[in-house]
Structure formats: structure tokens, C-alpha cells
Amino acid sequence: MAEYLSASATLDDIAHSEAYKKTQETLSQAGQKTSAALTTVGTAITRRLGDMRNSATFKSFEDKMGNLKYKVVGPRGNGDVVSSPTDTTPTQENPPF
């Protein structure tokens, strides 16, 4: 039991030491600055992706991909599944996409 009290007192001493307080404060500030930096980067990426999605090049690419999808899967509409009466289970030779 004496070892427990000794260890507890040592941890308490460490938690109240000047070095511990400075380290805790420094790490807290670093975490806040890192969080702010990542938020800024995320916002910039989101804005750039939005700008890119609204560009003429992307619209052209999107139209071409839409046309290709129509040629591959046909007029299924908005995700409606068209199934063949003879093929109800997807296989390796006939994947579900």
C-alpha cells in the first residue's frame, strides 16, 4: 500500500510541476493551431473542388461520362434496377453494375 501512495504522490508532483504545466500548455496551443490550419486547408480544398466542378472542362467531362453510362447501362432512370427474367443473380461473368 505504501508503494501506491508513493506512486500517487509522485504523479501528483509531476502534474503540478512547472515543466508539466508548460508542456501541457504548449501541446494545447499546438493542437489548436493544427486544428485551425486543417480547417483552413479543408475549406480551400472544398472551394477549389466546387470551382472545378463548375468549370466548362468538368461539365464537358461529366456530359461525356453521362453519355457513356447511358450507352453501357441503358435508360434505367434514376437508379431503377432493370433485371432480366432469366438472370436474377449476379455472377462473375455478369456483375450487377
PDB file of N, CA and C in Angstrom:
ATOM      1  N   MET A   1       0.821  -1.187   0.000  1.00  0.00           N
ATOM      2  CA  MET A   1       0.000   0.000   0.000  1.00  0.00           C
ATOM      3  C   MET A   1       0.873   1.263   0.000  1.00  0.00           C
ATOM      4  N   ALA A   2       2.029   1.172   0.640  1.00  0.00           N
ATOM      5  CA  ALA A   2       2.934   2.321   0.702  1.00  0.00           C
ATOM      6  C   ALA A   2       3.458   2.673  -0.686  1.00  0.00           C
ATOM      7  N   GLU A   3       3.654   1.641  -1.549  1.00  0.00           N
ATOM      8  CA  GLU A   3       4.133   1.897  -2.909  1.00  0.00           C
ATOM      9  C   GLU A   3       3.095   2.689  -3.700  1.00  0.00           C
ATOM     10  N   TYR A   4       1.829   2.356  -3.489  1.00  0.00           N
ATOM     11  CA  TYR A   4       0.743   3.063  -4.177  1.00  0.00           C
ATOM     12  C   TYR A   4       0.727   4.524  -3.770  1.00  0.00           C
ATOM     13  N   LEU A   5       0.828   4.794  -2.490  1.00  0.00           N
ATOM     14  CA  LEU A   5       0.827   6.171  -2.017  1.00  0.00           C
ATOM     15  C   LEU A   5       2.038   6.930  -2.539  1.00  0.00           C
ATOM     16  N   SER A   6       3.160   6.249  -2.613  1.00  0.00           N
ATOM     17  CA  SER A   6       4.374   6.874  -3.120  1.00  0.00           C
ATOM     18  C   SER A   6       4.231   7.198  -4.609  1.00  0.00           C
ATOM     19  N   ALA A   7       3.694   6.254  -5.368  1.00  0.00           N
ATOM     20  CA  ALA A   7       3.496   6.477  -6.805  1.00  0.00           C
ATOM     21  C   ALA A   7       2.474   7.576  -7.025  1.00  0.00           C
ATOM     22  N   SER A   8       1.427   7.582  -6.239  1.00  0.00           N
ATOM     23  CA  SER A   8       0.389   8.597  -6.355  1.00  0.00           C
ATOM     24  C   SER A   8       0.959   9.977  -6.053  1.00  0.00           C
ATOM     25  N   ALA A   9       1.779  10.058  -5.023  1.00  0.00           N
ATOM     26  CA  ALA A   9       2.402  11.332  -4.674  1.00  0.00           C
ATOM     27  C   ALA A   9       3.344  11.784  -5.781  1.00  0.00           C
ATOM     28  N   THR A  10       4.074  10.854  -6.391  1.00  0.00           N
ATOM     29  CA  THR A  10       4.994  11.189  -7.477  1.00  0.00           C
ATOM     30  C   THR A  10       4.222  11.729  -8.677  1.00  0.00           C
ATOM     31  N   LEU A  11       3.114  11.087  -9.046  1.00  0.00           N
ATOM     32  CA  LEU A  11       2.298  11.561 -10.168  1.00  0.00           C
ATOM     33  C   LEU A  11       1.708  12.930  -9.868  1.00  0.00           C
ATOM     34  N   ASP A  12       1.298  13.130  -8.640  1.00  0.00           N
ATOM     35  CA  ASP A  12       0.749  14.424  -8.242  1.00  0.00           C
ATOM     36  C   ASP A  12       1.828  15.503  -8.342  1.00  0.00           C
ATOM     37  N   ASP A  13       3.050  15.159  -7.915  1.00  0.00           N
ATOM     38  CA  ASP A  13       4.168  16.100  -8.019  1.00  0.00           C
ATOM     39  C   ASP A  13       4.447  16.465  -9.476  1.00  0.00           C
ATOM     40  N   ILE A  14       4.412  15.460 -10.327  1.00  0.00           N
ATOM     41  CA  ILE A  14       4.660  15.693 -11.759  1.00  0.00           C
ATOM     42  C   ILE A  14       3.575  16.584 -12.353  1.00  0.00           C
ATOM     43  N   ALA A  15       2.308  16.291 -12.044  1.00  0.00           N
ATOM     44  CA  ALA A  15       1.189  17.047 -12.603  1.00  0.00           C
ATOM     45  C   ALA A  15       1.216  18.509 -12.179  1.00  0.00           C
ATOM     46  N   HIS A  16       1.826  18.808 -11.055  1.00  0.00           N
ATOM     47  CA  HIS A  16       1.890  20.189 -10.578  1.00  0.00           C
ATOM     48  C   HIS A  16       3.240  20.847 -10.850  1.00  0.00           C
ATOM     49  N   SER A  17       4.122  20.145 -11.531  1.00  0.00           N
ATOM     50  CA  SER A  17       5.443  20.721 -11.807  1.00  0.00           C
ATOM     51  C   SER A  17       5.340  21.772 -12.904  1.00  0.00           C
ATOM     52  N   GLU A  18       6.265  22.690 -12.903  1.00  0.00           N
ATOM     53  CA  GLU A  18       6.296  23.764 -13.893  1.00  0.00           C
ATOM     54  C   GLU A  18       6.531  23.197 -15.293  1.00  0.00           C
ATOM     55  N   ALA A  19       7.398  22.209 -15.422  1.00  0.00           N
ATOM     56  CA  ALA A  19       7.685  21.598 -16.732  1.00  0.00           C
ATOM     57  C   ALA A  19       6.432  20.954 -17.311  1.00  0.00           C
ATOM     58  N   TYR A  20       5.663  20.260 -16.479  1.00  0.00           N
ATOM     59  CA  TYR A  20       4.430  19.605 -16.939  1.00  0.00           C
ATOM     60  C   TYR A  20       3.432  20.657 -17.406  1.00  0.00           C
ATOM     61  N   LYS A  21       3.275  21.716 -16.629  1.00  0.00           N
ATOM     62  CA  LYS A  21       2.310  22.771 -16.992  1.00  0.00           C
ATOM     63  C   LYS A  21       2.695  23.428 -18.309  1.00  0.00           C
ATOM     64  N   LYS A  22       3.989  23.709 -18.500  1.00  0.00           N
ATOM     65  CA  LYS A  22       4.443  24.340 -19.749  1.00  0.00           C
ATOM     66  C   LYS A  22       4.250  23.398 -20.937  1.00  0.00           C
ATOM     67  N   THR A  23       4.562  22.120 -20.727  1.00  0.00           N
ATOM     68  CA  THR A  23       4.391  21.141 -21.805  1.00  0.00           C
ATOM     69  C   THR A  23       2.922  21.000 -22.167  1.00  0.00           C
ATOM     70  N   GLN A  24       2.062  20.939 -21.167  1.00  0.00           N
ATOM     71  CA  GLN A  24       0.621  20.816 -21.412  1.00  0.00           C
ATOM     72  C   GLN A  24       0.098  22.034 -22.174  1.00  0.00           C
ATOM     73  N   GLU A  25       0.533  23.225 -21.779  1.00  0.00           N
ATOM     74  CA  GLU A  25       0.091  24.451 -22.444  1.00  0.00           C
ATOM     75  C   GLU A  25       0.585  24.495 -23.886  1.00  0.00           C
ATOM     76  N   THR A  26       1.844  24.128 -24.097  1.00  0.00           N
ATOM     77  CA  THR A  26       2.419  24.136 -25.445  1.00  0.00           C
ATOM     78  C   THR A  26       1.697  23.146 -26.358  1.00  0.00           C
ATOM     79  N   LEU A  27       1.448  21.941 -25.850  1.00  0.00           N
ATOM     80  CA  LEU A  27       0.743  20.945 -26.658  1.00  0.00           C
ATOM     81  C   LEU A  27      -0.696  21.376 -26.943  1.00  0.00           C
ATOM     82  N   SER A  28      -1.333  22.018 -26.000  1.00  0.00           N
ATOM     83  CA  SER A  28      -2.696  22.502 -26.216  1.00  0.00           C
ATOM     84  C   SER A  28      -2.720  23.559 -27.319  1.00  0.00           C
ATOM     85  N   GLN A  29      -1.774  24.503 -27.252  1.00  0.00           N
ATOM     86  CA  GLN A  29      -1.692  25.539 -28.289  1.00  0.00           C
ATOM     87  C   GLN A  29      -1.369  24.935 -29.654  1.00  0.00           C
ATOM     88  N   ALA A  30      -0.480  23.965 -29.675  1.00  0.00           N
ATOM     89  CA  ALA A  30      -0.134  23.305 -30.940  1.00  0.00           C
ATOM     90  C   ALA A  30      -1.351  22.604 -31.523  1.00  0.00           C
ATOM     91  N   GLY A  31      -2.134  21.961 -30.678  1.00  0.00           N
ATOM     92  CA  GLY A  31      -3.348  21.291 -31.146  1.00  0.00           C
ATOM     93  C   GLY A  31      -4.350  22.271 -31.721  1.00  0.00           C
ATOM     94  N   GLN A  32      -4.505  23.416 -31.053  1.00  0.00           N
ATOM     95  CA  GLN A  32      -5.440  24.434 -31.551  1.00  0.00           C
ATOM     96  C   GLN A  32      -4.976  24.998 -32.888  1.00  0.00           C
ATOM     97  N   LYS A  33      -3.681  25.252 -33.026  1.00  0.00           N
ATOM     98  CA  LYS A  33      -3.153  25.790 -34.282  1.00  0.00           C
ATOM     99  C   LYS A  33      -3.259  24.764 -35.401  1.00  0.00           C
ATOM    100  N   THR A  34      -2.997  23.506 -35.080  1.00  0.00           N
ATOM    101  CA  THR A  34      -3.118  22.444 -36.085  1.00  0.00           C
ATOM    102  C   THR A  34      -4.561  22.316 -36.546  1.00  0.00           C
ATOM    103  N   SER A  35      -5.484  22.358 -35.620  1.00  0.00           N
ATOM    104  CA  SER A  35      -6.903  22.265 -35.961  1.00  0.00           C
ATOM    105  C   SER A  35      -7.328  23.422 -36.867  1.00  0.00           C
ATOM    106  N   ALA A  36      -6.886  24.636 -36.529  1.00  0.00           N
ATOM    107  CA  ALA A  36      -7.221  25.796 -37.354  1.00  0.00           C
ATOM    108  C   ALA A  36      -6.619  25.670 -38.755  1.00  0.00           C
ATOM    109  N   ALA A  37      -5.380  25.190 -38.828  1.00  0.00           N
ATOM    110  CA  ALA A  37      -4.723  25.034 -40.132  1.00  0.00           C
ATOM    111  C   ALA A  37      -5.449  24.001 -40.983  1.00  0.00           C
ATOM    112  N   LEU A  38      -5.830  22.879 -40.386  1.00  0.00           N
ATOM    113  CA  LEU A  38      -6.540  21.837 -41.142  1.00  0.00           C
ATOM    114  C   LEU A  38      -7.913  22.321 -41.596  1.00  0.00           C
ATOM    115  N   THR A  39      -8.571  23.127 -40.776  1.00  0.00           N
ATOM    116  CA  THR A  39      -9.862  23.694 -41.177  1.00  0.00           C
ATOM    117  C   THR A  39      -9.681  24.602 -42.381  1.00  0.00           C
ATOM    118  N   THR A  40      -8.638  25.421 -42.362  1.00  0.00           N
ATOM    119  CA  THR A  40      -8.360  26.316 -43.486  1.00  0.00           C
ATOM    120  C   THR A  40      -8.061  25.528 -44.756  1.00  0.00           C
ATOM    121  N   VAL A  41      -7.255  24.490 -44.640  1.00  0.00           N
ATOM    122  CA  VAL A  41      -6.919  23.649 -45.801  1.00  0.00           C
ATOM    123  C   VAL A  41      -8.188  22.970 -46.332  1.00  0.00           C
ATOM    124  N   GLY A  42      -9.012  22.449 -45.447  1.00  0.00           N
ATOM    125  CA  GLY A  42     -10.252  21.794 -45.866  1.00  0.00           C
ATOM    126  C   GLY A  42     -11.179  22.744 -46.594  1.00  0.00           C
ATOM    127  N   THR A  43     -11.271  23.964 -46.088  1.00  0.00           N
ATOM    128  CA  THR A  43     -12.116  24.975 -46.731  1.00  0.00           C
ATOM    129  C   THR A  43     -11.587  25.313 -48.123  1.00  0.00           C
ATOM    130  N   ALA A  44     -10.273  25.462 -48.232  1.00  0.00           N
ATOM    131  CA  ALA A  44      -9.669  25.782 -49.535  1.00  0.00           C
ATOM    132  C   ALA A  44      -9.886  24.650 -50.535  1.00  0.00           C
ATOM    133  N   ILE A  45      -9.734  23.414 -50.093  1.00  0.00           N
ATOM    134  CA  ILE A  45      -9.948  22.268 -50.983  1.00  0.00           C
ATOM    135  C   ILE A  45     -11.399  22.203 -51.427  1.00  0.00           C
ATOM    136  N   THR A  46     -12.314  22.402 -50.495  1.00  0.00           N
ATOM    137  CA  THR A  46     -13.742  22.384 -50.831  1.00  0.00           C
ATOM    138  C   THR A  46     -14.070  23.455 -51.868  1.00  0.00           C
ATOM    139  N   ARG A  47     -13.513  24.641 -51.671  1.00  0.00           N
ATOM    140  CA  ARG A  47     -13.763  25.737 -52.609  1.00  0.00           C
ATOM    141  C   ARG A  47     -13.197  25.405 -53.990  1.00  0.00           C
ATOM    142  N   ARG A  48     -11.964  24.854 -54.011  1.00  0.00           N
ATOM    143  CA  ARG A  48     -11.343  24.514 -55.297  1.00  0.00           C
ATOM    144  C   ARG A  48     -12.132  23.435 -56.031  1.00  0.00           C
ATOM    145  N   LEU A  49     -12.585  22.419 -55.300  1.00  0.00           N
ATOM    146  CA  LEU A  49     -13.371  21.359 -55.933  1.00  0.00           C
ATOM    147  C   LEU A  49     -14.688  21.909 -56.474  1.00  0.00           C
ATOM    148  N   GLY A  50     -15.295  22.817 -55.733  1.00  0.00           N
ATOM    149  CA  GLY A  50     -16.521  23.453 -56.211  1.00  0.00           C
ATOM    150  C   GLY A  50     -16.276  24.250 -57.478  1.00  0.00           C
ATOM    151  N   ASP A  51     -15.170  25.012 -57.485  1.00  0.00           N
ATOM    152  CA  ASP A  51     -14.817  25.782 -58.686  1.00  0.00           C
ATOM    153  C   ASP A  51     -14.567  24.857 -59.867  1.00  0.00           C
ATOM    154  N   MET A  52     -13.852  23.747 -59.611  1.00  0.00           N
ATOM    155  CA  MET A  52     -13.527  22.801 -60.677  1.00  0.00           C
ATOM    156  C   MET A  52     -14.808  22.154 -61.214  1.00  0.00           C
ATOM    157  N   ARG A  53     -15.726  21.810 -60.310  1.00  0.00           N
ATOM    158  CA  ARG A  53     -16.957  21.151 -60.740  1.00  0.00           C
ATOM    159  C   ARG A  53     -17.809  22.062 -61.610  1.00  0.00           C
ATOM    160  N   ASN A  54     -17.699  23.364 -61.407  1.00  0.00           N
ATOM    161  CA  ASN A  54     -18.470  24.320 -62.195  1.00  0.00           C
ATOM    162  C   ASN A  54     -17.743  24.781 -63.457  1.00  0.00           C
ATOM    163  N   SER A  55     -16.538  24.249 -63.696  1.00  0.00           N
ATOM    164  CA  SER A  55     -15.781  24.664 -64.877  1.00  0.00           C
ATOM    165  C   SER A  55     -16.345  24.003 -66.139  1.00  0.00           C
ATOM    166  N   ALA A  56     -16.077  24.634 -67.270  1.00  0.00           N
ATOM    167  CA  ALA A  56     -16.548  24.106 -68.557  1.00  0.00           C
ATOM    168  C   ALA A  56     -15.911  22.748 -68.851  1.00  0.00           C
ATOM    169  N   THR A  57     -14.649  22.586 -68.502  1.00  0.00           N
ATOM    170  CA  THR A  57     -13.961  21.313 -68.747  1.00  0.00           C
ATOM    171  C   THR A  57     -14.633  20.177 -67.997  1.00  0.00           C
ATOM    172  N   PHE A  58     -14.955  20.409 -66.719  1.00  0.00           N
ATOM    173  CA  PHE A  58     -15.594  19.366 -65.927  1.00  0.00           C
ATOM    174  C   PHE A  58     -16.996  19.078 -66.449  1.00  0.00           C
ATOM    175  N   LYS A  59     -17.725  20.121 -66.823  1.00  0.00           N
ATOM    176  CA  LYS A  59     -19.078  19.920 -67.360  1.00  0.00           C
ATOM    177  C   LYS A  59     -19.023  19.060 -68.618  1.00  0.00           C
ATOM    178  N   SER A  60     -18.043  19.322 -69.481  1.00  0.00           N
ATOM    179  CA  SER A  60     -17.875  18.540 -70.696  1.00  0.00           C
ATOM    180  C   SER A  60     -17.557  17.087 -70.350  1.00  0.00           C
ATOM    181  N   PHE A  61     -16.641  16.880 -69.395  1.00  0.00           N
ATOM    182  CA  PHE A  61     -16.286  15.533 -68.956  1.00  0.00           C
ATOM    183  C   PHE A  61     -17.498  14.828 -68.360  1.00  0.00           C
ATOM    184  N   GLU A  62     -18.254  15.556 -67.536  1.00  0.00           N
ATOM    185  CA  GLU A  62     -19.450  14.993 -66.902  1.00  0.00           C
ATOM    186  C   GLU A  62     -20.477  14.579 -67.959  1.00  0.00           C
ATOM    187  N   ASP A  63     -20.655  15.402 -68.976  1.00  0.00           N
ATOM    188  CA  ASP A  63     -21.588  15.069 -70.057  1.00  0.00           C
ATOM    189  C   ASP A  63     -21.132  13.818 -70.807  1.00  0.00           C
ATOM    190  N   LYS A  64     -19.835  13.729 -71.088  1.00  0.00           N
ATOM    191  CA  LYS A  64     -19.318  12.557 -71.791  1.00  0.00           C
ATOM    192  C   LYS A  64     -19.499  11.292 -70.966  1.00  0.00           C
ATOM    193  N   MET A  65     -19.240  11.393 -69.648  1.00  0.00           N
ATOM    194  CA  MET A  65     -19.404  10.225 -68.777  1.00  0.00           C
ATOM    195  C   MET A  65     -20.880   9.835 -68.683  1.00  0.00           C
ATOM    196  N   GLY A  66     -21.749  10.827 -68.653  1.00  0.00           N
ATOM    197  CA  GLY A  66     -23.180  10.537 -68.620  1.00  0.00           C
ATOM    198  C   GLY A  66     -23.622   9.822 -69.883  1.00  0.00           C
ATOM    199  N   ASN A  67     -23.120  10.271 -71.032  1.00  0.00           N
ATOM    200  CA  ASN A  67     -23.444   9.622 -72.297  1.00  0.00           C
ATOM    201  C   ASN A  67     -22.905   8.202 -72.339  1.00  0.00           C
ATOM    202  N   LEU A  68     -21.684   8.002 -71.817  1.00  0.00           N
ATOM    203  CA  LEU A  68     -21.095   6.674 -71.778  1.00  0.00           C
ATOM    204  C   LEU A  68     -21.917   5.752 -70.876  1.00  0.00           C
ATOM    205  N   LYS A  69     -22.332   6.252 -69.722  1.00  0.00           N
ATOM    206  CA  LYS A  69     -23.151   5.451 -68.809  1.00  0.00           C
ATOM    207  C   LYS A  69     -24.456   5.045 -69.503  1.00  0.00           C
ATOM    208  N   TYR A  70     -25.072   5.975 -70.205  1.00  0.00           N
ATOM    209  CA  TYR A  70     -26.322   5.668 -70.904  1.00  0.00           C
ATOM    210  C   TYR A  70     -26.098   4.563 -71.934  1.00  0.00           C
ATOM    211  N   LYS A  71     -24.966   4.626 -72.643  1.00  0.00           N
ATOM    212  CA  LYS A  71     -24.669   3.599 -73.644  1.00  0.00           C
ATOM    213  C   LYS A  71     -24.417   2.242 -73.003  1.00  0.00           C
ATOM    214  N   VAL A  72     -23.817   2.235 -71.799  1.00  0.00           N
ATOM    215  CA  VAL A  72     -23.476   0.982 -71.139  1.00  0.00           C
ATOM    216  C   VAL A  72     -24.676   0.365 -70.435  1.00  0.00           C
ATOM    217  N   VAL A  73     -25.396   1.141 -69.632  1.00  0.00           N
ATOM    218  CA  VAL A  73     -26.474   0.564 -68.822  1.00  0.00           C
ATOM    219  C   VAL A  73     -27.864   0.814 -69.379  1.00  0.00           C
ATOM    220  N   GLY A  74     -27.969   1.690 -70.343  1.00  0.00           N
ATOM    221  CA  GLY A  74     -29.268   1.935 -70.943  1.00  0.00           C
ATOM    222  C   GLY A  74     -30.115   2.895 -70.127  1.00  0.00           C
ATOM    223  N   PRO A  75     -31.359   3.052 -70.529  1.00  0.00           N
ATOM    224  CA  PRO A  75     -32.249   4.042 -69.896  1.00  0.00           C
ATOM    225  C   PRO A  75     -32.865   3.518 -68.593  1.00  0.00           C
ATOM    226  N   ARG A  76     -32.072   3.370 -67.569  1.00  0.00           N
ATOM    227  CA  ARG A  76     -32.593   2.860 -66.296  1.00  0.00           C
ATOM    228  C   ARG A  76     -33.257   3.944 -65.465  1.00  0.00           C
ATOM    229  N   GLY A  77     -33.066   5.169 -65.797  1.00  0.00           N
ATOM    230  CA  GLY A  77     -33.635   6.243 -64.989  1.00  0.00           C
ATOM    231  C   GLY A  77     -32.732   6.570 -63.817  1.00  0.00           C
ATOM    232  N   ASN A  78     -33.333   6.891 -62.709  1.00  0.00           N
ATOM    233  CA  ASN A  78     -32.574   7.304 -61.517  1.00  0.00           C
ATOM    234  C   ASN A  78     -32.293   6.130 -60.603  1.00  0.00           C
ATOM    235  N   GLY A  79     -31.482   5.218 -61.046  1.00  0.00           N
ATOM    236  CA  GLY A  79     -31.095   4.101 -60.204  1.00  0.00           C
ATOM    237  C   GLY A  79     -32.077   2.949 -60.211  1.00  0.00           C
ATOM    238  N   ASP A  80     -33.098   3.003 -61.052  1.00  0.00           N
ATOM    239  CA  ASP A  80     -34.037   1.886 -61.132  1.00  0.00           C
ATOM    240  C   ASP A  80     -33.310   0.673 -61.675  1.00  0.00           C
ATOM    241  N   VAL A  81     -33.541  -0.431 -61.068  1.00  0.00           N
ATOM    242  CA  VAL A  81     -32.877  -1.658 -61.478  1.00  0.00           C
ATOM    243  C   VAL A  81     -33.732  -2.351 -62.532  1.00  0.00           C
ATOM    244  N   VAL A  82     -33.103  -2.625 -63.652  1.00  0.00           N
ATOM    245  CA  VAL A  82     -33.771  -3.363 -64.714  1.00  0.00           C
ATOM    246  C   VAL A  82     -33.196  -4.764 -64.698  1.00  0.00           C
ATOM    247  N   SER A  83     -34.022  -5.752 -64.445  1.00  0.00           N
ATOM    248  CA  SER A  83     -33.495  -7.114 -64.379  1.00  0.00           C
ATOM    249  C   SER A  83     -34.044  -7.947 -65.519  1.00  0.00           C
ATOM    250  N   SER A  84     -33.242  -8.906 -65.894  1.00  0.00           N
ATOM    251  CA  SER A  84     -33.632  -9.837 -66.930  1.00  0.00           C
ATOM    252  C   SER A  84     -34.443 -10.959 -66.292  1.00  0.00           C
ATOM    253  N   PRO A  85     -35.491 -11.427 -66.940  1.00  0.00           N
ATOM    254  CA  PRO A  85     -36.282 -12.502 -66.346  1.00  0.00           C
ATOM    255  C   PRO A  85     -35.494 -13.801 -66.225  1.00  0.00           C
ATOM    256  N   THR A  86     -34.430 -13.963 -67.020  1.00  0.00           N
ATOM    257  CA  THR A  86     -33.666 -15.211 -66.967  1.00  0.00           C
ATOM    258  C   THR A  86     -32.437 -15.100 -66.071  1.00  0.00           C
ATOM    259  N   ASP A  87     -32.070 -13.894 -65.653  1.00  0.00           N
ATOM    260  CA  ASP A  87     -30.862 -13.722 -64.853  1.00  0.00           C
ATOM    261  C   ASP A  87     -31.186 -12.892 -63.627  1.00  0.00           C
ATOM    262  N   THR A  88     -31.407 -13.563 -62.499  1.00  0.00           N
ATOM    263  CA  THR A  88     -31.791 -12.848 -61.290  1.00  0.00           C
ATOM    264  C   THR A  88     -30.642 -12.712 -60.303  1.00  0.00           C
ATOM    265  N   THR A  89     -29.558 -13.454 -60.474  1.00  0.00           N
ATOM    266  CA  THR A  89     -28.446 -13.411 -59.544  1.00  0.00           C
ATOM    267  C   THR A  89     -27.177 -12.985 -60.267  1.00  0.00           C
ATOM    268  N   PRO A  90     -26.506 -11.920 -59.783  1.00  0.00           N
ATOM    269  CA  PRO A  90     -25.250 -11.513 -60.439  1.00  0.00           C
ATOM    270  C   PRO A  90     -24.172 -12.574 -60.259  1.00  0.00           C
ATOM    271  N   THR A  91     -23.368 -12.752 -61.296  1.00  0.00           N
ATOM    272  CA  THR A  91     -22.251 -13.694 -61.248  1.00  0.00           C
ATOM    273  C   THR A  91     -20.985 -12.976 -61.665  1.00  0.00           C
ATOM    274  N   GLN A  92     -19.852 -13.669 -61.643  1.00  0.00           N
ATOM    275  CA  GLN A  92     -18.593 -13.083 -62.081  1.00  0.00           C
ATOM    276  C   GLN A  92     -18.685 -12.659 -63.549  1.00  0.00           C
ATOM    277  N   GLU A  93     -19.347 -13.460 -64.371  1.00  0.00           N
ATOM    278  CA  GLU A  93     -19.457 -13.141 -65.793  1.00  0.00           C
ATOM    279  C   GLU A  93     -20.479 -12.042 -66.037  1.00  0.00           C
ATOM    280  N   ASN A  94     -21.397 -11.845 -65.084  1.00  0.00           N
ATOM    281  CA  ASN A  94     -22.450 -10.861 -65.244  1.00  0.00           C
ATOM    282  C   ASN A  94     -22.572 -10.037 -63.958  1.00  0.00           C
ATOM    283  N   PRO A  95     -21.615  -9.084 -63.725  1.00  0.00           N
ATOM    284  CA  PRO A  95     -21.637  -8.306 -62.476  1.00  0.00           C
ATOM    285  C   PRO A  95     -22.869  -7.409 -62.399  1.00  0.00           C
ATOM    286  N   PRO A  96     -23.269  -6.974 -61.194  1.00  0.00           N
ATOM    287  CA  PRO A  96     -24.503  -6.228 -61.017  1.00  0.00           C
ATOM    288  C   PRO A  96     -24.451  -4.779 -61.444  1.00  0.00           C
ATOM    289  N   PHE A  97     -23.377  -4.316 -62.029  1.00  0.00           N
ATOM    290  CA  PHE A  97     -23.318  -2.929 -62.472  1.00  0.00           C
ATOM    291  C   PHE A  97     -23.496  -2.885 -63.948  1.00  0.00           C
TER     292      PHE A  97
END
